[in-house]
Amino acid sequence: MYTYRECIVLGETECSIATVNRILRELSREWPGHSYDLLSRNCNHFCDVLCERLAVPKLPGKGIGIRSSRSSD
């Protein structure tokens, strides 16, 4: 089981609850479990997409483990 080390507050979205639910449904189709890849399609990449859709800042690049090794940032 994974133990979370910290929470990162990214701000508040202007999206309604209905819009957030729609975004999550869309992402569940776009990000099926079998598409996971440790280096190119992981939880940090998912968070970037989610933050973009919610119009909040993305995760900070420093200190997020494998994220800091991405070459596309």
PDB file of N, CA and C in Angstrom:
ATOM      1  N   MET A   1       0.828  -1.168   0.000  1.00  0.00           N
ATOM      2  CA  MET A   1       0.000   0.000   0.000  1.00  0.00           C
ATOM      3  C   MET A   1       0.882   1.244   0.000  1.00  0.00           C
ATOM      4  N   TYR A   2       0.478   2.253  -0.766  1.00  0.00           N
ATOM      5  CA  TYR A   2       1.241   3.483  -0.880  1.00  0.00           C
ATOM      6  C   TYR A   2       0.859   4.446   0.234  1.00  0.00           C
ATOM      7  N   THR A   3       1.849   5.086   0.819  1.00  0.00           N
ATOM      8  CA  THR A   3       1.611   6.108   1.834  1.00  0.00           C
ATOM      9  C   THR A   3       1.932   7.462   1.223  1.00  0.00           C
ATOM     10  N   TYR A   4       0.959   8.352   1.202  1.00  0.00           N
ATOM     11  CA  TYR A   4       1.169   9.672   0.647  1.00  0.00           C
ATOM     12  C   TYR A   4       2.089  10.481   1.545  1.00  0.00           C
ATOM     13  N   ARG A   5       3.012  11.199   0.931  1.00  0.00           N
ATOM     14  CA  ARG A   5       3.981  11.969   1.691  1.00  0.00           C
ATOM     15  C   ARG A   5       3.520  13.397   1.923  1.00  0.00           C
ATOM     16  N   GLU A   6       2.771  13.948   0.995  1.00  0.00           N
ATOM     17  CA  GLU A   6       2.350  15.328   1.152  1.00  0.00           C
ATOM     18  C   GLU A   6       1.179  15.643   0.234  1.00  0.00           C
ATOM     19  N   CYS A   7       0.489  16.699   0.549  1.00  0.00           N
ATOM     20  CA  CYS A   7      -0.574  17.232  -0.304  1.00  0.00           C
ATOM     21  C   CYS A   7      -0.038  18.494  -0.957  1.00  0.00           C
ATOM     22  N   ILE A   8      -0.390  18.703  -2.203  1.00  0.00           N
ATOM     23  CA  ILE A   8       0.013  19.904  -2.915  1.00  0.00           C
ATOM     24  C   ILE A   8      -1.253  20.647  -3.317  1.00  0.00           C
ATOM     25  N   VAL A   9      -1.443  21.828  -2.751  1.00  0.00           N
ATOM     26  CA  VAL A   9      -2.625  22.631  -3.050  1.00  0.00           C
ATOM     27  C   VAL A   9      -2.376  23.362  -4.367  1.00  0.00           C
ATOM     28  N   LEU A  10      -3.277  23.162  -5.320  1.00  0.00           N
ATOM     29  CA  LEU A  10      -3.122  23.755  -6.644  1.00  0.00           C
ATOM     30  C   LEU A  10      -4.126  24.876  -6.906  1.00  0.00           C
ATOM     31  N   GLY A  11      -4.911  25.208  -5.929  1.00  0.00           N
ATOM     32  CA  GLY A  11      -5.896  26.270  -6.112  1.00  0.00           C
ATOM     33  C   GLY A  11      -7.284  25.696  -6.284  1.00  0.00           C
ATOM     34  N   GLU A  12      -8.205  26.564  -6.625  1.00  0.00           N
ATOM     35  CA  GLU A  12      -9.595  26.162  -6.816  1.00  0.00           C
ATOM     36  C   GLU A  12      -9.976  26.312  -8.275  1.00  0.00           C
ATOM     37  N   THR A  13     -10.828  25.429  -8.742  1.00  0.00           N
ATOM     38  CA  THR A  13     -11.312  25.499 -10.103  1.00  0.00           C
ATOM     39  C   THR A  13     -12.618  26.278 -10.146  1.00  0.00           C
ATOM     40  N   GLU A  14     -12.877  26.881 -11.269  1.00  0.00           N
ATOM     41  CA  GLU A  14     -14.151  27.563 -11.504  1.00  0.00           C
ATOM     42  C   GLU A  14     -15.187  26.581 -12.049  1.00  0.00           C
ATOM     43  N   CYS A  15     -14.780  25.339 -12.288  1.00  0.00           N
ATOM     44  CA  CYS A  15     -15.676  24.329 -12.855  1.00  0.00           C
ATOM     45  C   CYS A  15     -16.749  23.936 -11.840  1.00  0.00           C
ATOM     46  N   SER A  16     -17.940  23.689 -12.354  1.00  0.00           N
ATOM     47  CA  SER A  16     -19.021  23.198 -11.497  1.00  0.00           C
ATOM     48  C   SER A  16     -18.773  21.734 -11.163  1.00  0.00           C
ATOM     49  N   ILE A  17     -19.507  21.232 -10.201  1.00  0.00           N
ATOM     50  CA  ILE A  17     -19.395  19.808  -9.848  1.00  0.00           C
ATOM     51  C   ILE A  17     -19.743  18.941 -11.048  1.00  0.00           C
ATOM     52  N   ALA A  18     -20.758  19.334 -11.799  1.00  0.00           N
ATOM     53  CA  ALA A  18     -21.148  18.568 -12.992  1.00  0.00           C
ATOM     54  C   ALA A  18     -20.017  18.545 -14.018  1.00  0.00           C
ATOM     55  N   THR A  19     -19.346  19.666 -14.186  1.00  0.00           N
ATOM     56  CA  THR A  19     -18.228  19.728 -15.134  1.00  0.00           C
ATOM     57  C   THR A  19     -17.063  18.874 -14.657  1.00  0.00           C
ATOM     58  N   VAL A  20     -16.755  18.931 -13.382  1.00  0.00           N
ATOM     59  CA  VAL A  20     -15.675  18.091 -12.831  1.00  0.00           C
ATOM     60  C   VAL A  20     -16.012  16.617 -13.052  1.00  0.00           C
ATOM     61  N   ASN A  21     -17.247  16.225 -12.792  1.00  0.00           N
ATOM     62  CA  ASN A  21     -17.654  14.833 -13.020  1.00  0.00           C
ATOM     63  C   ASN A  21     -17.532  14.446 -14.482  1.00  0.00           C
ATOM     64  N   ARG A  22     -17.886  15.350 -15.398  1.00  0.00           N
ATOM     65  CA  ARG A  22     -17.762  15.074 -16.835  1.00  0.00           C
ATOM     66  C   ARG A  22     -16.291  14.900 -17.210  1.00  0.00           C
ATOM     67  N   ILE A  23     -15.443  15.784 -16.703  1.00  0.00           N
ATOM     68  CA  ILE A  23     -14.006  15.689 -16.977  1.00  0.00           C
ATOM     69  C   ILE A  23     -13.454  14.358 -16.479  1.00  0.00           C
ATOM     70  N   LEU A  24     -13.837  13.955 -15.286  1.00  0.00           N
ATOM     71  CA  LEU A  24     -13.359  12.684 -14.741  1.00  0.00           C
ATOM     72  C   LEU A  24     -13.843  11.495 -15.554  1.00  0.00           C
ATOM     73  N   ARG A  25     -15.077  11.549 -16.045  1.00  0.00           N
ATOM     74  CA  ARG A  25     -15.570  10.465 -16.914  1.00  0.00           C
ATOM     75  C   ARG A  25     -14.766  10.406 -18.206  1.00  0.00           C
ATOM     76  N   GLU A  26     -14.513  11.575 -18.801  1.00  0.00           N
ATOM     77  CA  GLU A  26     -13.714  11.615 -20.031  1.00  0.00           C
ATOM     78  C   GLU A  26     -12.317  11.051 -19.793  1.00  0.00           C
ATOM     79  N   LEU A  27     -11.699  11.475 -18.703  1.00  0.00           N
ATOM     80  CA  LEU A  27     -10.343  11.010 -18.407  1.00  0.00           C
ATOM     81  C   LEU A  27     -10.298   9.518 -18.109  1.00  0.00           C
ATOM     82  N   SER A  28     -11.352   8.994 -17.519  1.00  0.00           N
ATOM     83  CA  SER A  28     -11.364   7.554 -17.242  1.00  0.00           C
ATOM     84  C   SER A  28     -11.356   6.753 -18.548  1.00  0.00           C
ATOM     85  N   ARG A  29     -11.920   7.321 -19.605  1.00  0.00           N
ATOM     86  CA  ARG A  29     -11.873   6.655 -20.915  1.00  0.00           C
ATOM     87  C   ARG A  29     -10.531   6.878 -21.603  1.00  0.00           C
ATOM     88  N   GLU A  30      -9.955   8.058 -21.424  1.00  0.00           N
ATOM     89  CA  GLU A  30      -8.694   8.395 -22.081  1.00  0.00           C
ATOM     90  C   GLU A  30      -7.471   7.788 -21.393  1.00  0.00           C
ATOM     91  N   TRP A  31      -7.611   7.413 -20.118  1.00  0.00           N
ATOM     92  CA  TRP A  31      -6.485   6.922 -19.334  1.00  0.00           C
ATOM     93  C   TRP A  31      -6.791   5.546 -18.726  1.00  0.00           C
ATOM     94  N   PRO A  32      -7.050   4.533 -19.564  1.00  0.00           N
ATOM     95  CA  PRO A  32      -7.301   3.200 -18.998  1.00  0.00           C
ATOM     96  C   PRO A  32      -6.029   2.652 -18.350  1.00  0.00           C
ATOM     97  N   GLY A  33      -6.218   1.802 -17.373  1.00  0.00           N
ATOM     98  CA  GLY A  33      -5.083   1.259 -16.629  1.00  0.00           C
ATOM     99  C   GLY A  33      -4.027   0.604 -17.492  1.00  0.00           C
ATOM    100  N   HIS A  34      -4.441  -0.059 -18.562  1.00  0.00           N
ATOM    101  CA  HIS A  34      -3.467  -0.763 -19.413  1.00  0.00           C
ATOM    102  C   HIS A  34      -2.571   0.192 -20.196  1.00  0.00           C
ATOM    103  N   SER A  35      -2.899   1.491 -20.222  1.00  0.00           N
ATOM    104  CA  SER A  35      -2.069   2.455 -20.954  1.00  0.00           C
ATOM    105  C   SER A  35      -0.950   3.036 -20.083  1.00  0.00           C
ATOM    106  N   TYR A  36      -0.882   2.621 -18.813  1.00  0.00           N
ATOM    107  CA  TYR A  36       0.135   3.140 -17.890  1.00  0.00           C
ATOM    108  C   TYR A  36       1.532   2.805 -18.386  1.00  0.00           C
ATOM    109  N   ASP A  37       2.421   3.782 -18.305  1.00  0.00           N
ATOM    110  CA  ASP A  37       3.830   3.572 -18.602  1.00  0.00           C
ATOM    111  C   ASP A  37       4.629   4.394 -17.587  1.00  0.00           C
ATOM    112  N   LEU A  38       5.562   3.766 -16.920  1.00  0.00           N
ATOM    113  CA  LEU A  38       6.299   4.398 -15.835  1.00  0.00           C
ATOM    114  C   LEU A  38       6.941   5.723 -16.239  1.00  0.00           C
ATOM    115  N   LEU A  39       7.470   5.808 -17.450  1.00  0.00           N
ATOM    116  CA  LEU A  39       8.198   7.005 -17.860  1.00  0.00           C
ATOM    117  C   LEU A  39       7.387   7.980 -18.699  1.00  0.00           C
ATOM    118  N   SER A  40       6.416   7.506 -19.463  1.00  0.00           N
ATOM    119  CA  SER A  40       5.751   8.409 -20.406  1.00  0.00           C
ATOM    120  C   SER A  40       4.260   8.615 -20.179  1.00  0.00           C
ATOM    121  N   ARG A  41       3.646   7.835 -19.305  1.00  0.00           N
ATOM    122  CA  ARG A  41       2.195   7.978 -19.087  1.00  0.00           C
ATOM    123  C   ARG A  41       1.862   7.480 -17.682  1.00  0.00           C
ATOM    124  N   ASN A  42       2.288   8.253 -16.695  1.00  0.00           N
ATOM    125  CA  ASN A  42       2.103   7.829 -15.310  1.00  0.00           C
ATOM    126  C   ASN A  42       1.163   8.780 -14.575  1.00  0.00           C
ATOM    127  N   CYS A  43       1.071   8.642 -13.285  1.00  0.00           N
ATOM    128  CA  CYS A  43       0.135   9.446 -12.491  1.00  0.00           C
ATOM    129  C   CYS A  43       0.446  10.937 -12.558  1.00  0.00           C
ATOM    130  N   ASN A  44       1.709  11.289 -12.711  1.00  0.00           N
ATOM    131  CA  ASN A  44       2.057  12.702 -12.821  1.00  0.00           C
ATOM    132  C   ASN A  44       1.581  13.290 -14.144  1.00  0.00           C
ATOM    133  N   HIS A  45       1.672  12.519 -15.214  1.00  0.00           N
ATOM    134  CA  HIS A  45       1.161  12.968 -16.504  1.00  0.00           C
ATOM    135  C   HIS A  45      -0.358  13.130 -16.427  1.00  0.00           C
ATOM    136  N   PHE A  46      -1.013  12.169 -15.785  1.00  0.00           N
ATOM    137  CA  PHE A  46      -2.461  12.266 -15.600  1.00  0.00           C
ATOM    138  C   PHE A  46      -2.815  13.540 -14.839  1.00  0.00           C
ATOM    139  N   CYS A  47      -2.090  13.823 -13.783  1.00  0.00           N
ATOM    140  CA  CYS A  47      -2.353  15.026 -12.989  1.00  0.00           C
ATOM    141  C   CYS A  47      -2.181  16.288 -13.814  1.00  0.00           C
ATOM    142  N   ASP A  48      -1.181  16.317 -14.684  1.00  0.00           N
ATOM    143  CA  ASP A  48      -0.993  17.473 -15.565  1.00  0.00           C
ATOM    144  C   ASP A  48      -2.223  17.702 -16.434  1.00  0.00           C
ATOM    145  N   VAL A  49      -2.739  16.625 -17.021  1.00  0.00           N
ATOM    146  CA  VAL A  49      -3.912  16.736 -17.885  1.00  0.00           C
ATOM    147  C   VAL A  49      -5.134  17.165 -17.072  1.00  0.00           C
ATOM    148  N   LEU A  50      -5.317  16.556 -15.913  1.00  0.00           N
ATOM    149  CA  LEU A  50      -6.450  16.914 -15.063  1.00  0.00           C
ATOM    150  C   LEU A  50      -6.377  18.387 -14.657  1.00  0.00           C
ATOM    151  N   CYS A  51      -5.216  18.837 -14.232  1.00  0.00           N
ATOM    152  CA  CYS A  51      -5.064  20.241 -13.834  1.00  0.00           C
ATOM    153  C   CYS A  51      -5.356  21.184 -15.000  1.00  0.00           C
ATOM    154  N   GLU A  52      -4.890  20.814 -16.185  1.00  0.00           N
ATOM    155  CA  GLU A  52      -5.145  21.635 -17.367  1.00  0.00           C
ATOM    156  C   GLU A  52      -6.649  21.751 -17.623  1.00  0.00           C
ATOM    157  N   ARG A  53      -7.343  20.637 -17.555  1.00  0.00           N
ATOM    158  CA  ARG A  53      -8.795  20.646 -17.804  1.00  0.00           C
ATOM    159  C   ARG A  53      -9.564  21.396 -16.728  1.00  0.00           C
ATOM    160  N   LEU A  54      -9.043  21.363 -15.501  1.00  0.00           N
ATOM    161  CA  LEU A  54      -9.700  22.083 -14.407  1.00  0.00           C
ATOM    162  C   LEU A  54      -9.273  23.550 -14.353  1.00  0.00           C
ATOM    163  N   ALA A  55      -8.323  23.924 -15.196  1.00  0.00           N
ATOM    164  CA  ALA A  55      -7.801  25.294 -15.261  1.00  0.00           C
ATOM    165  C   ALA A  55      -7.186  25.728 -13.925  1.00  0.00           C
ATOM    166  N   VAL A  56      -6.374  24.831 -13.371  1.00  0.00           N
ATOM    167  CA  VAL A  56      -5.598  25.143 -12.173  1.00  0.00           C
ATOM    168  C   VAL A  56      -4.123  24.905 -12.513  1.00  0.00           C
ATOM    169  N   PRO A  57      -3.204  25.452 -11.721  1.00  0.00           N
ATOM    170  CA  PRO A  57      -1.777  25.242 -12.015  1.00  0.00           C
ATOM    171  C   PRO A  57      -1.404  23.758 -12.006  1.00  0.00           C
ATOM    172  N   LYS A  58      -0.439  23.407 -12.851  1.00  0.00           N
ATOM    173  CA  LYS A  58       0.060  22.032 -12.883  1.00  0.00           C
ATOM    174  C   LYS A  58       0.933  21.758 -11.668  1.00  0.00           C
ATOM    175  N   LEU A  59       1.215  20.488 -11.457  1.00  0.00           N
ATOM    176  CA  LEU A  59       2.112  20.091 -10.371  1.00  0.00           C
ATOM    177  C   LEU A  59       3.472  20.741 -10.559  1.00  0.00           C
ATOM    178  N   PRO A  60       4.100  21.133  -9.469  1.00  0.00           N
ATOM    179  CA  PRO A  60       5.461  21.662  -9.611  1.00  0.00           C
ATOM    180  C   PRO A  60       6.390  20.560 -10.110  1.00  0.00           C
ATOM    181  N   GLY A  61       7.333  20.881 -10.950  1.00  0.00           N
ATOM    182  CA  GLY A  61       8.211  19.882 -11.553  1.00  0.00           C
ATOM    183  C   GLY A  61       9.292  19.368 -10.638  1.00  0.00           C
ATOM    184  N   LYS A  62       9.635  20.123  -9.622  1.00  0.00           N
ATOM    185  CA  LYS A  62      10.756  19.753  -8.758  1.00  0.00           C
ATOM    186  C   LYS A  62      10.270  18.873  -7.611  1.00  0.00           C
ATOM    187  N   GLY A  63      10.956  17.757  -7.390  1.00  0.00           N
ATOM    188  CA  GLY A  63      10.690  16.941  -6.226  1.00  0.00           C
ATOM    189  C   GLY A  63       9.496  16.015  -6.336  1.00  0.00           C
ATOM    190  N   ILE A  64       9.069  15.685  -7.529  1.00  0.00           N
ATOM    191  CA  ILE A  64       7.914  14.800  -7.696  1.00  0.00           C
ATOM    192  C   ILE A  64       8.392  13.455  -8.254  1.00  0.00           C
ATOM    193  N   GLY A  65       9.532  12.999  -7.806  1.00  0.00           N
ATOM    194  CA  GLY A  65      10.030  11.677  -8.187  1.00  0.00           C
ATOM    195  C   GLY A  65      10.326  11.566  -9.670  1.00  0.00           C
ATOM    196  N   ILE A  66       9.718  10.595 -10.317  1.00  0.00           N
ATOM    197  CA  ILE A  66       9.995  10.274 -11.720  1.00  0.00           C
ATOM    198  C   ILE A  66       9.673  11.447 -12.636  1.00  0.00           C
ATOM    199  N   ARG A  67       8.785  12.329 -12.228  1.00  0.00           N
ATOM    200  CA  ARG A  67       8.403  13.480 -13.030  1.00  0.00           C
ATOM    201  C   ARG A  67       9.603  14.340 -13.387  1.00  0.00           C
ATOM    202  N   SER A  68      10.542  14.488 -12.471  1.00  0.00           N
ATOM    203  CA  SER A  68      11.682  15.365 -12.726  1.00  0.00           C
ATOM    204  C   SER A  68      12.595  14.839 -13.822  1.00  0.00           C
ATOM    205  N   SER A  69      12.428  13.590 -14.245  1.00  0.00           N
ATOM    206  CA  SER A  69      13.269  13.031 -15.302  1.00  0.00           C
ATOM    207  C   SER A  69      12.639  13.165 -16.682  1.00  0.00           C
ATOM    208  N   ARG A  70      11.428  13.722 -16.758  1.00  0.00           N
ATOM    209  CA  ARG A  70      10.764  13.879 -18.061  1.00  0.00           C
ATOM    210  C   ARG A  70      11.509  14.900 -18.904  1.00  0.00           C
ATOM    211  N   SER A  71      11.628  14.601 -20.169  1.00  0.00           N
ATOM    212  CA  SER A  71      12.348  15.515 -21.060  1.00  0.00           C
ATOM    213  C   SER A  71      11.414  16.507 -21.726  1.00  0.00           C
ATOM    214  N   SER A  72      10.085  16.336 -21.642  1.00  0.00           N
ATOM    215  CA  SER A  72       9.151  17.193 -22.355  1.00  0.00           C
ATOM    216  C   SER A  72       8.687  18.380 -21.551  1.00  0.00           C
ATOM    217  N   ASP A  73       9.192  18.598 -20.339  1.00  0.00           N
ATOM    218  CA  ASP A  73       8.758  19.736 -19.516  1.00  0.00           C
ATOM    219  C   ASP A  73       9.422  21.015 -19.943  1.00  0.00           C
TER     220      ASP A  73
END
